[in-house]
Amino acid sequence: MKQLTAKKRAELLRISLRPDEQIDLSDIPEIRQFPPDAVIGRFYRPRKQSVTIRLDADVLAWLKASGQGYQTRLNDYLRELMKSHRAS
């Protein structure tokens, strides 16, 4: 990756200090509707926290039976449950 020169860094700092109203956005088309295949928040990664959890042996075996990534799958299952409870 290329290093920023002092001149370029100063220019970027100067631009970042400008108020939003002074930024010309006329050459950027406004997005009025997301394409059907767009993934909102695709690069968002929530902060992870390590915990110890006790699961029934059969539940853990079921999670592990579908291969690597069982902790991620468990997190996904819990996230879907959380979303469904928020919606109701």
PDB file of N, CA and C in Angstrom:
ATOM      1  N   MET A   1       0.834  -1.172   0.000  1.00  0.00           N
ATOM      2  CA  MET A   1       0.000   0.000   0.000  1.00  0.00           C
ATOM      3  C   MET A   1       0.883   1.241   0.000  1.00  0.00           C
ATOM      4  N   LYS A   2       0.471   2.214  -0.743  1.00  0.00           N
ATOM      5  CA  LYS A   2       1.244   3.425  -0.914  1.00  0.00           C
ATOM      6  C   LYS A   2       1.124   4.331   0.313  1.00  0.00           C
ATOM      7  N   GLN A   3       2.245   4.893   0.750  1.00  0.00           N
ATOM      8  CA  GLN A   3       2.250   5.825   1.871  1.00  0.00           C
ATOM      9  C   GLN A   3       1.785   7.203   1.417  1.00  0.00           C
ATOM     10  N   LEU A   4       1.058   7.898   2.279  1.00  0.00           N
ATOM     11  CA  LEU A   4       0.630   9.257   1.977  1.00  0.00           C
ATOM     12  C   LEU A   4       1.794  10.212   2.188  1.00  0.00           C
ATOM     13  N   THR A   5       1.963  11.117   1.256  1.00  0.00           N
ATOM     14  CA  THR A   5       2.980  12.146   1.415  1.00  0.00           C
ATOM     15  C   THR A   5       2.440  13.209   2.370  1.00  0.00           C
ATOM     16  N   ALA A   6       3.335  14.015   2.914  1.00  0.00           N
ATOM     17  CA  ALA A   6       2.920  15.086   3.820  1.00  0.00           C
ATOM     18  C   ALA A   6       1.991  16.053   3.099  1.00  0.00           C
ATOM     19  N   LYS A   7       2.261  16.314   1.820  1.00  0.00           N
ATOM     20  CA  LYS A   7       1.431  17.232   1.036  1.00  0.00           C
ATOM     21  C   LYS A   7       0.016  16.661   0.876  1.00  0.00           C
ATOM     22  N   LYS A   8      -0.078  15.390   0.531  1.00  0.00           N
ATOM     23  CA  LYS A   8      -1.379  14.747   0.339  1.00  0.00           C
ATOM     24  C   LYS A   8      -2.145  14.682   1.662  1.00  0.00           C
ATOM     25  N   ARG A   9      -1.438  14.369   2.743  1.00  0.00           N
ATOM     26  CA  ARG A   9      -2.063  14.300   4.062  1.00  0.00           C
ATOM     27  C   ARG A   9      -2.634  15.671   4.450  1.00  0.00           C
ATOM     28  N   ALA A  10      -1.897  16.742   4.185  1.00  0.00           N
ATOM     29  CA  ALA A  10      -2.350  18.100   4.489  1.00  0.00           C
ATOM     30  C   ALA A  10      -3.584  18.450   3.656  1.00  0.00           C
ATOM     31  N   GLU A  11      -3.585  18.037   2.387  1.00  0.00           N
ATOM     32  CA  GLU A  11      -4.731  18.297   1.511  1.00  0.00           C
ATOM     33  C   GLU A  11      -5.979  17.568   2.017  1.00  0.00           C
ATOM     34  N   LEU A  12      -5.817  16.318   2.403  1.00  0.00           N
ATOM     35  CA  LEU A  12      -6.948  15.542   2.922  1.00  0.00           C
ATOM     36  C   LEU A  12      -7.476  16.136   4.223  1.00  0.00           C
ATOM     37  N   LEU A  13      -6.582  16.606   5.071  1.00  0.00           N
ATOM     38  CA  LEU A  13      -6.991  17.241   6.318  1.00  0.00           C
ATOM     39  C   LEU A  13      -7.788  18.510   6.023  1.00  0.00           C
ATOM     40  N   ARG A  14      -7.308  19.318   5.082  1.00  0.00           N
ATOM     41  CA  ARG A  14      -7.984  20.561   4.699  1.00  0.00           C
ATOM     42  C   ARG A  14      -9.392  20.251   4.184  1.00  0.00           C
ATOM     43  N   ILE A  15      -9.504  19.226   3.345  1.00  0.00           N
ATOM     44  CA  ILE A  15     -10.809  18.848   2.792  1.00  0.00           C
ATOM     45  C   ILE A  15     -11.739  18.330   3.892  1.00  0.00           C
ATOM     46  N   SER A  16     -11.203  17.560   4.811  1.00  0.00           N
ATOM     47  CA  SER A  16     -12.044  16.987   5.872  1.00  0.00           C
ATOM     48  C   SER A  16     -12.612  18.046   6.809  1.00  0.00           C
ATOM     49  N   LEU A  17     -11.975  19.206   6.856  1.00  0.00           N
ATOM     50  CA  LEU A  17     -12.446  20.275   7.737  1.00  0.00           C
ATOM     51  C   LEU A  17     -13.532  21.142   7.101  1.00  0.00           C
ATOM     52  N   ARG A  18     -13.795  20.933   5.816  1.00  0.00           N
ATOM     53  CA  ARG A  18     -14.830  21.715   5.132  1.00  0.00           C
ATOM     54  C   ARG A  18     -16.216  21.281   5.612  1.00  0.00           C
ATOM     55  N   PRO A  19     -17.156  22.215   5.711  1.00  0.00           N
ATOM     56  CA  PRO A  19     -18.533  21.845   6.056  1.00  0.00           C
ATOM     57  C   PRO A  19     -19.165  21.044   4.914  1.00  0.00           C
ATOM     58  N   ASP A  20     -20.091  20.180   5.246  1.00  0.00           N
ATOM     59  CA  ASP A  20     -20.751  19.333   4.248  1.00  0.00           C
ATOM     60  C   ASP A  20     -21.391  20.140   3.122  1.00  0.00           C
ATOM     61  N   GLU A  21     -21.913  21.315   3.466  1.00  0.00           N
ATOM     62  CA  GLU A  21     -22.596  22.138   2.462  1.00  0.00           C
ATOM     63  C   GLU A  21     -21.659  22.577   1.338  1.00  0.00           C
ATOM     64  N   GLN A  22     -20.369  22.586   1.599  1.00  0.00           N
ATOM     65  CA  GLN A  22     -19.403  23.029   0.595  1.00  0.00           C
ATOM     66  C   GLN A  22     -18.921  21.890  -0.316  1.00  0.00           C
ATOM     67  N   ILE A  23     -19.393  20.699  -0.073  1.00  0.00           N
ATOM     68  CA  ILE A  23     -18.959  19.561  -0.883  1.00  0.00           C
ATOM     69  C   ILE A  23     -19.879  19.436  -2.095  1.00  0.00           C
ATOM     70  N   ASP A  24     -19.291  19.419  -3.269  1.00  0.00           N
ATOM     71  CA  ASP A  24     -20.051  19.330  -4.519  1.00  0.00           C
ATOM     72  C   ASP A  24     -20.355  17.863  -4.820  1.00  0.00           C
ATOM     73  N   LEU A  25     -21.618  17.506  -4.764  1.00  0.00           N
ATOM     74  CA  LEU A  25     -22.045  16.126  -5.016  1.00  0.00           C
ATOM     75  C   LEU A  25     -22.774  15.992  -6.353  1.00  0.00           C
ATOM     76  N   SER A  26     -22.700  17.033  -7.185  1.00  0.00           N
ATOM     77  CA  SER A  26     -23.484  17.050  -8.422  1.00  0.00           C
ATOM     78  C   SER A  26     -23.095  15.950  -9.410  1.00  0.00           C
ATOM     79  N   ASP A  27     -21.873  15.433  -9.324  1.00  0.00           N
ATOM     80  CA  ASP A  27     -21.456  14.390 -10.257  1.00  0.00           C
ATOM     81  C   ASP A  27     -21.698  12.990  -9.713  1.00  0.00           C
ATOM     82  N   ILE A  28     -22.345  12.899  -8.545  1.00  0.00           N
ATOM     83  CA  ILE A  28     -22.634  11.604  -7.939  1.00  0.00           C
ATOM     84  C   ILE A  28     -24.144  11.378  -8.019  1.00  0.00           C
ATOM     85  N   PRO A  29     -24.588  10.321  -8.715  1.00  0.00           N
ATOM     86  CA  PRO A  29     -26.032  10.091  -8.807  1.00  0.00           C
ATOM     87  C   PRO A  29     -26.615   9.693  -7.460  1.00  0.00           C
ATOM     88  N   GLU A  30     -27.802  10.196  -7.177  1.00  0.00           N
ATOM     89  CA  GLU A  30     -28.482   9.857  -5.933  1.00  0.00           C
ATOM     90  C   GLU A  30     -29.049   8.444  -6.034  1.00  0.00           C
ATOM     91  N   ILE A  31     -28.871   7.676  -4.998  1.00  0.00           N
ATOM     92  CA  ILE A  31     -29.415   6.314  -4.963  1.00  0.00           C
ATOM     93  C   ILE A  31     -30.820   6.403  -4.400  1.00  0.00           C
ATOM     94  N   ARG A  32     -31.792   6.105  -5.225  1.00  0.00           N
ATOM     95  CA  ARG A  32     -33.184   6.180  -4.788  1.00  0.00           C
ATOM     96  C   ARG A  32     -33.718   4.809  -4.379  1.00  0.00           C
ATOM     97  N   GLN A  33     -33.139   3.763  -4.937  1.00  0.00           N
ATOM     98  CA  GLN A  33     -33.599   2.420  -4.608  1.00  0.00           C
ATOM     99  C   GLN A  33     -32.405   1.468  -4.719  1.00  0.00           C
ATOM    100  N   PHE A  34     -32.275   0.588  -3.741  1.00  0.00           N
ATOM    101  CA  PHE A  34     -31.186  -0.379  -3.777  1.00  0.00           C
ATOM    102  C   PHE A  34     -31.497  -1.467  -4.786  1.00  0.00           C
ATOM    103  N   PRO A  35     -30.479  -1.963  -5.492  1.00  0.00           N
ATOM    104  CA  PRO A  35     -30.710  -3.090  -6.405  1.00  0.00           C
ATOM    105  C   PRO A  35     -31.178  -4.313  -5.606  1.00  0.00           C
ATOM    106  N   PRO A  36     -31.918  -5.214  -6.249  1.00  0.00           N
ATOM    107  CA  PRO A  36     -32.472  -6.365  -5.516  1.00  0.00           C
ATOM    108  C   PRO A  36     -31.403  -7.268  -4.891  1.00  0.00           C
ATOM    109  N   ASP A  37     -30.193  -7.273  -5.435  1.00  0.00           N
ATOM    110  CA  ASP A  37     -29.142  -8.138  -4.889  1.00  0.00           C
ATOM    111  C   ASP A  37     -28.224  -7.404  -3.907  1.00  0.00           C
ATOM    112  N   ALA A  38     -28.577  -6.158  -3.547  1.00  0.00           N
ATOM    113  CA  ALA A  38     -27.751  -5.392  -2.609  1.00  0.00           C
ATOM    114  C   ALA A  38     -27.843  -5.995  -1.215  1.00  0.00           C
ATOM    115  N   VAL A  39     -26.737  -5.982  -0.514  1.00  0.00           N
ATOM    116  CA  VAL A  39     -26.683  -6.476   0.853  1.00  0.00           C
ATOM    117  C   VAL A  39     -26.347  -5.297   1.749  1.00  0.00           C
ATOM    118  N   ILE A  40     -27.324  -4.861   2.522  1.00  0.00           N
ATOM    119  CA  ILE A  40     -27.123  -3.723   3.412  1.00  0.00           C
ATOM    120  C   ILE A  40     -26.327  -4.199   4.623  1.00  0.00           C
ATOM    121  N   GLY A  41     -25.292  -3.452   4.958  1.00  0.00           N
ATOM    122  CA  GLY A  41     -24.467  -3.808   6.099  1.00  0.00           C
ATOM    123  C   GLY A  41     -23.538  -4.968   5.831  1.00  0.00           C
ATOM    124  N   ARG A  42     -23.230  -5.213   4.582  1.00  0.00           N
ATOM    125  CA  ARG A  42     -22.421  -6.371   4.196  1.00  0.00           C
ATOM    126  C   ARG A  42     -21.057  -6.393   4.881  1.00  0.00           C
ATOM    127  N   PHE A  43     -20.460  -5.231   5.089  1.00  0.00           N
ATOM    128  CA  PHE A  43     -19.117  -5.178   5.664  1.00  0.00           C
ATOM    129  C   PHE A  43     -19.136  -4.845   7.146  1.00  0.00           C
ATOM    130  N   TYR A  44     -20.324  -4.763   7.721  1.00  0.00           N
ATOM    131  CA  TYR A  44     -20.444  -4.497   9.156  1.00  0.00           C
ATOM    132  C   TYR A  44     -20.137  -5.775   9.919  1.00  0.00           C
ATOM    133  N   ARG A  45     -19.265  -5.662  10.875  1.00  0.00           N
ATOM    134  CA  ARG A  45     -18.951  -6.814  11.723  1.00  0.00           C
ATOM    135  C   ARG A  45     -19.092  -6.390  13.183  1.00  0.00           C
ATOM    136  N   PRO A  46     -20.116  -6.892  13.854  1.00  0.00           N
ATOM    137  CA  PRO A  46     -20.274  -6.508  15.266  1.00  0.00           C
ATOM    138  C   PRO A  46     -19.082  -6.986  16.094  1.00  0.00           C
ATOM    139  N   ARG A  47     -18.827  -6.283  17.150  1.00  0.00           N
ATOM    140  CA  ARG A  47     -17.739  -6.667  18.056  1.00  0.00           C
ATOM    141  C   ARG A  47     -18.109  -7.993  18.722  1.00  0.00           C
ATOM    142  N   LYS A  48     -17.175  -8.907  18.769  1.00  0.00           N
ATOM    143  CA  LYS A  48     -17.410 -10.217  19.380  1.00  0.00           C
ATOM    144  C   LYS A  48     -16.975 -10.181  20.839  1.00  0.00           C
ATOM    145  N   GLN A  49     -17.640 -10.989  21.635  1.00  0.00           N
ATOM    146  CA  GLN A  49     -17.296 -11.104  23.044  1.00  0.00           C
ATOM    147  C   GLN A  49     -17.220 -12.586  23.383  1.00  0.00           C
ATOM    148  N   SER A  50     -16.164 -12.965  24.017  1.00  0.00           N
ATOM    149  CA  SER A  50     -15.972 -14.357  24.390  1.00  0.00           C
ATOM    150  C   SER A  50     -16.793 -14.673  25.642  1.00  0.00           C
ATOM    151  N   VAL A  51     -17.527 -15.788  25.596  1.00  0.00           N
ATOM    152  CA  VAL A  51     -18.335 -16.221  26.740  1.00  0.00           C
ATOM    153  C   VAL A  51     -18.178 -17.726  26.914  1.00  0.00           C
ATOM    154  N   THR A  52     -18.520 -18.176  28.093  1.00  0.00           N
ATOM    155  CA  THR A  52     -18.613 -19.617  28.352  1.00  0.00           C
ATOM    156  C   THR A  52     -20.092 -19.935  28.453  1.00  0.00           C
ATOM    157  N   ILE A  53     -20.513 -20.957  27.724  1.00  0.00           N
ATOM    158  CA  ILE A  53     -21.935 -21.314  27.696  1.00  0.00           C
ATOM    159  C   ILE A  53     -22.057 -22.825  27.878  1.00  0.00           C
ATOM    160  N   ARG A  54     -23.044 -23.231  28.618  1.00  0.00           N
ATOM    161  CA  ARG A  54     -23.274 -24.663  28.837  1.00  0.00           C
ATOM    162  C   ARG A  54     -24.449 -25.081  27.968  1.00  0.00           C
ATOM    163  N   LEU A  55     -24.206 -26.054  27.095  1.00  0.00           N
ATOM    164  CA  LEU A  55     -25.234 -26.567  26.189  1.00  0.00           C
ATOM    165  C   LEU A  55     -25.442 -28.044  26.469  1.00  0.00           C
ATOM    166  N   ASP A  56     -26.627 -28.507  26.179  1.00  0.00           N
ATOM    167  CA  ASP A  56     -26.870 -29.946  26.264  1.00  0.00           C
ATOM    168  C   ASP A  56     -25.986 -30.632  25.232  1.00  0.00           C
ATOM    169  N   ALA A  57     -25.490 -31.823  25.577  1.00  0.00           N
ATOM    170  CA  ALA A  57     -24.556 -32.545  24.713  1.00  0.00           C
ATOM    171  C   ALA A  57     -25.153 -32.821  23.333  1.00  0.00           C
ATOM    172  N   ASP A  58     -26.444 -33.156  23.284  1.00  0.00           N
ATOM    173  CA  ASP A  58     -27.056 -33.462  21.992  1.00  0.00           C
ATOM    174  C   ASP A  58     -27.179 -32.205  21.117  1.00  0.00           C
ATOM    175  N   VAL A  59     -27.419 -31.052  21.739  1.00  0.00           N
ATOM    176  CA  VAL A  59     -27.496 -29.791  20.986  1.00  0.00           C
ATOM    177  C   VAL A  59     -26.128 -29.458  20.406  1.00  0.00           C
ATOM    178  N   LEU A  60     -25.095 -29.586  21.218  1.00  0.00           N
ATOM    179  CA  LEU A  60     -23.736 -29.316  20.742  1.00  0.00           C
ATOM    180  C   LEU A  60     -23.338 -30.292  19.641  1.00  0.00           C
ATOM    181  N   ALA A  61     -23.676 -31.559  19.794  1.00  0.00           N
ATOM    182  CA  ALA A  61     -23.367 -32.555  18.760  1.00  0.00           C
ATOM    183  C   ALA A  61     -24.070 -32.214  17.453  1.00  0.00           C
ATOM    184  N   TRP A  62     -25.325 -31.756  17.543  1.00  0.00           N
ATOM    185  CA  TRP A  62     -26.079 -31.366  16.342  1.00  0.00           C
ATOM    186  C   TRP A  62     -25.412 -30.187  15.648  1.00  0.00           C
ATOM    187  N   LEU A  63     -24.982 -29.197  16.424  1.00  0.00           N
ATOM    188  CA  LEU A  63     -24.309 -28.035  15.839  1.00  0.00           C
ATOM    189  C   LEU A  63     -23.004 -28.434  15.156  1.00  0.00           C
ATOM    190  N   LYS A  64     -22.223 -29.264  15.828  1.00  0.00           N
ATOM    191  CA  LYS A  64     -20.919 -29.671  15.293  1.00  0.00           C
ATOM    192  C   LYS A  64     -21.047 -30.626  14.110  1.00  0.00           C
ATOM    193  N   ALA A  65     -22.171 -31.339  14.019  1.00  0.00           N
ATOM    194  CA  ALA A  65     -22.341 -32.347  12.970  1.00  0.00           C
ATOM    195  C   ALA A  65     -22.352 -31.740  11.573  1.00  0.00           C
ATOM    196  N   SER A  66     -22.717 -30.485  11.464  1.00  0.00           N
ATOM    197  CA  SER A  66     -22.757 -29.873  10.128  1.00  0.00           C
ATOM    198  C   SER A  66     -21.436 -29.218   9.746  1.00  0.00           C
ATOM    199  N   GLY A  67     -20.377 -29.536  10.463  1.00  0.00           N
ATOM    200  CA  GLY A  67     -19.041 -29.092  10.051  1.00  0.00           C
ATOM    201  C   GLY A  67     -18.531 -27.888  10.814  1.00  0.00           C
ATOM    202  N   GLN A  68     -17.400 -27.392  10.320  1.00  0.00           N
ATOM    203  CA  GLN A  68     -16.754 -26.253  10.968  1.00  0.00           C
ATOM    204  C   GLN A  68     -17.671 -25.037  10.952  1.00  0.00           C
ATOM    205  N   GLY A  69     -17.431 -24.150  11.913  1.00  0.00           N
ATOM    206  CA  GLY A  69     -18.216 -22.930  11.978  1.00  0.00           C
ATOM    207  C   GLY A  69     -19.453 -23.040  12.848  1.00  0.00           C
ATOM    208  N   TYR A  70     -19.470 -24.016  13.741  1.00  0.00           N
ATOM    209  CA  TYR A  70     -20.672 -24.201  14.549  1.00  0.00           C
ATOM    210  C   TYR A  70     -20.932 -23.003  15.461  1.00  0.00           C
ATOM    211  N   GLN A  71     -19.880 -22.318  15.921  1.00  0.00           N
ATOM    212  CA  GLN A  71     -20.081 -21.154  16.776  1.00  0.00           C
ATOM    213  C   GLN A  71     -20.718 -20.013  15.979  1.00  0.00           C
ATOM    214  N   THR A  72     -20.295 -19.852  14.736  1.00  0.00           N
ATOM    215  CA  THR A  72     -20.888 -18.831  13.868  1.00  0.00           C
ATOM    216  C   THR A  72     -22.345 -19.164  13.594  1.00  0.00           C
ATOM    217  N   ARG A  73     -22.638 -20.446  13.330  1.00  0.00           N
ATOM    218  CA  ARG A  73     -24.026 -20.850  13.093  1.00  0.00           C
ATOM    219  C   ARG A  73     -24.885 -20.603  14.331  1.00  0.00           C
ATOM    220  N   LEU A  74     -24.356 -20.927  15.490  1.00  0.00           N
ATOM    221  CA  LEU A  74     -25.090 -20.690  16.731  1.00  0.00           C
ATOM    222  C   LEU A  74     -25.380 -19.200  16.882  1.00  0.00           C
ATOM    223  N   ASN A  75     -24.392 -18.365  16.597  1.00  0.00           N
ATOM    224  CA  ASN A  75     -24.587 -16.916  16.657  1.00  0.00           C
ATOM    225  C   ASN A  75     -25.668 -16.480  15.664  1.00  0.00           C
ATOM    226  N   ASP A  76     -25.638 -17.034  14.454  1.00  0.00           N
ATOM    227  CA  ASP A  76     -26.641 -16.695  13.434  1.00  0.00           C
ATOM    228  C   ASP A  76     -28.044 -17.103  13.873  1.00  0.00           C
ATOM    229  N   TYR A  77     -28.169 -18.305  14.455  1.00  0.00           N
ATOM    230  CA  TYR A  77     -29.470 -18.776  14.938  1.00  0.00           C
ATOM    231  C   TYR A  77     -30.004 -17.835  16.027  1.00  0.00           C
ATOM    232  N   LEU A  78     -29.122 -17.466  16.948  1.00  0.00           N
ATOM    233  CA  LEU A  78     -29.536 -16.578  18.031  1.00  0.00           C
ATOM    234  C   LEU A  78     -29.893 -15.184  17.514  1.00  0.00           C
ATOM    235  N   ARG A  79     -29.164 -14.698  16.512  1.00  0.00           N
ATOM    236  CA  ARG A  79     -29.458 -13.389  15.925  1.00  0.00           C
ATOM    237  C   ARG A  79     -30.845 -13.403  15.264  1.00  0.00           C
ATOM    238  N   GLU A  80     -31.161 -14.475  14.527  1.00  0.00           N
ATOM    239  CA  GLU A  80     -32.481 -14.581  13.897  1.00  0.00           C
ATOM    240  C   GLU A  80     -33.580 -14.619  14.953  1.00  0.00           C
ATOM    241  N   LEU A  81     -33.344 -15.348  16.029  1.00  0.00           N
ATOM    242  CA  LEU A  81     -34.314 -15.396  17.123  1.00  0.00           C
ATOM    243  C   LEU A  81     -34.494 -14.010  17.734  1.00  0.00           C
ATOM    244  N   MET A  82     -33.386 -13.297  17.932  1.00  0.00           N
ATOM    245  CA  MET A  82     -33.434 -11.949  18.480  1.00  0.00           C
ATOM    246  C   MET A  82     -34.237 -11.020  17.558  1.00  0.00           C
ATOM    247  N   LYS A  83     -33.997 -11.113  16.252  1.00  0.00           N
ATOM    248  CA  LYS A  83     -34.714 -10.270  15.280  1.00  0.00           C
ATOM    249  C   LYS A  83     -36.208 -10.580  15.294  1.00  0.00           C
ATOM    250  N   SER A  84     -36.563 -11.864  15.376  1.00  0.00           N
ATOM    251  CA  SER A  84     -37.978 -12.222  15.345  1.00  0.00           C
ATOM    252  C   SER A  84     -38.700 -11.732  16.605  1.00  0.00           C
ATOM    253  N   HIS A  85     -38.003 -11.694  17.711  1.00  0.00           N
ATOM    254  CA  HIS A  85     -38.616 -11.200  18.947  1.00  0.00           C
ATOM    255  C   HIS A  85     -38.743  -9.685  18.940  1.00  0.00           C
ATOM    256  N   ARG A  86     -37.814  -9.001  18.268  1.00  0.00           N
ATOM    257  CA  ARG A  86     -37.900  -7.549  18.141  1.00  0.00           C
ATOM    258  C   ARG A  86     -39.081  -7.154  17.260  1.00  0.00           C
ATOM    259  N   ALA A  87     -39.334  -7.945  16.219  1.00  0.00           N
ATOM    260  CA  ALA A  87     -40.390  -7.630  15.255  1.00  0.00           C
ATOM    261  C   ALA A  87     -41.773  -7.789  15.859  1.00  0.00           C
ATOM    262  N   SER A  88     -41.906  -8.678  16.841  1.00  0.00           N
ATOM    263  CA  SER A  88     -43.236  -8.947  17.400  1.00  0.00           C
ATOM    264  C   SER A  88     -43.572  -8.049  18.558  1.00  0.00           C
TER     265      SER A  88
END
